[in-house]
Amino acid sequence: MDKDVMFVEEDSPALNDRIDAAYRTKYARFGPSYVDPMVADGARAATLKLVPR
């Protein structure tokens, strides 16, 4: 399936908090040395939303 989309930076703090919580839940067994870099502020800048054109 092909879709015409554009990438938009996601800047909703509430959504980013939910994404962080999901990563922490999923990867908690690996400990903070693994999880913390995944949910660092810099990682949020890489969170993109696909928006139909």
C-alpha atoms as a PDB file:
ATOM      1  CA  MET A   1       0.000   0.000   0.000  1.00  0.00           C
ATOM      2  CA  ASP A   2       1.337   3.429  -0.901  1.00  0.00           C
ATOM      3  CA  LYS A   3       0.151   6.642   0.732  1.00  0.00           C
ATOM      4  CA  ASP A   4       1.139  10.225   0.057  1.00  0.00           C
ATOM      5  CA  VAL A   5       2.162  11.659   3.433  1.00  0.00           C
ATOM      6  CA  MET A   6       4.340  14.359   4.897  1.00  0.00           C
ATOM      7  CA  PHE A   7       6.386  14.229   8.088  1.00  0.00           C
ATOM      8  CA  VAL A   8       5.495  16.771  10.767  1.00  0.00           C
ATOM      9  CA  GLU A   9       7.332  17.312  14.047  1.00  0.00           C
ATOM     10  CA  GLU A  10       5.137  16.251  16.967  1.00  0.00           C
ATOM     11  CA  ASP A  11       5.250  18.975  19.592  1.00  0.00           C
ATOM     12  CA  SER A  12       2.383  17.974  21.889  1.00  0.00           C
ATOM     13  CA  PRO A  13       3.823  17.566  25.407  1.00  0.00           C
ATOM     14  CA  ALA A  14       0.930  15.293  26.418  1.00  0.00           C
ATOM     15  CA  LEU A  15       1.470  12.943  23.476  1.00  0.00           C
ATOM     16  CA  ASN A  16       5.227  12.893  24.006  1.00  0.00           C
ATOM     17  CA  ASP A  17       4.642  12.019  27.683  1.00  0.00           C
ATOM     18  CA  ARG A  18       2.433   9.093  26.637  1.00  0.00           C
ATOM     19  CA  ILE A  19       5.056   7.860  24.182  1.00  0.00           C
ATOM     20  CA  ASP A  20       7.755   8.103  26.885  1.00  0.00           C
ATOM     21  CA  ALA A  21       5.553   6.137  29.301  1.00  0.00           C
ATOM     22  CA  ALA A  22       5.006   3.427  26.691  1.00  0.00           C
ATOM     23  CA  TYR A  23       8.766   3.081  26.113  1.00  0.00           C
ATOM     24  CA  ARG A  24       9.442   2.970  29.856  1.00  0.00           C
ATOM     25  CA  THR A  25       6.814   0.249  30.296  1.00  0.00           C
ATOM     26  CA  LYS A  26       7.971  -1.829  27.344  1.00  0.00           C
ATOM     27  CA  TYR A  27      11.702  -1.627  28.064  1.00  0.00           C
ATOM     28  CA  ALA A  28      11.742  -1.307  31.875  1.00  0.00           C
ATOM     29  CA  ARG A  29      13.379  -4.712  32.262  1.00  0.00           C
ATOM     30  CA  PHE A  30      16.553  -3.333  30.636  1.00  0.00           C
ATOM     31  CA  GLY A  31      16.992  -0.601  33.256  1.00  0.00           C
ATOM     32  CA  PRO A  32      17.453   3.159  33.103  1.00  0.00           C
ATOM     33  CA  SER A  33      20.817   3.037  31.306  1.00  0.00           C
ATOM     34  CA  TYR A  34      18.976   1.675  28.280  1.00  0.00           C
ATOM     35  CA  VAL A  35      15.624   3.456  28.597  1.00  0.00           C
ATOM     36  CA  ASP A  36      16.675   6.975  29.643  1.00  0.00           C
ATOM     37  CA  PRO A  37      18.477   7.792  26.365  1.00  0.00           C
ATOM     38  CA  MET A  38      15.377   6.653  24.445  1.00  0.00           C
ATOM     39  CA  VAL A  39      13.175   9.175  26.254  1.00  0.00           C
ATOM     40  CA  ALA A  40      15.664  12.030  26.584  1.00  0.00           C
ATOM     41  CA  ASP A  41      14.634  15.494  25.377  1.00  0.00           C
ATOM     42  CA  GLY A  42      16.778  15.090  22.271  1.00  0.00           C
ATOM     43  CA  ALA A  43      14.849  11.968  21.337  1.00  0.00           C
ATOM     44  CA  ARG A  44      11.606  13.933  21.397  1.00  0.00           C
ATOM     45  CA  ALA A  45      12.921  16.099  18.580  1.00  0.00           C
ATOM     46  CA  ALA A  46      12.963  12.956  16.432  1.00  0.00           C
ATOM     47  CA  THR A  47       9.293  12.136  17.107  1.00  0.00           C
ATOM     48  CA  LEU A  48       7.450  12.630  13.849  1.00  0.00           C
ATOM     49  CA  LYS A  49       3.822  12.359  12.845  1.00  0.00           C
ATOM     50  CA  LEU A  50       2.720  11.126   9.411  1.00  0.00           C
ATOM     51  CA  VAL A  51       0.060  13.422   7.991  1.00  0.00           C
ATOM     52  CA  PRO A  52      -1.884  12.636   4.805  1.00  0.00           C
ATOM     53  CA  ARG A  53      -1.422  15.130   2.000  1.00  0.00           C
END
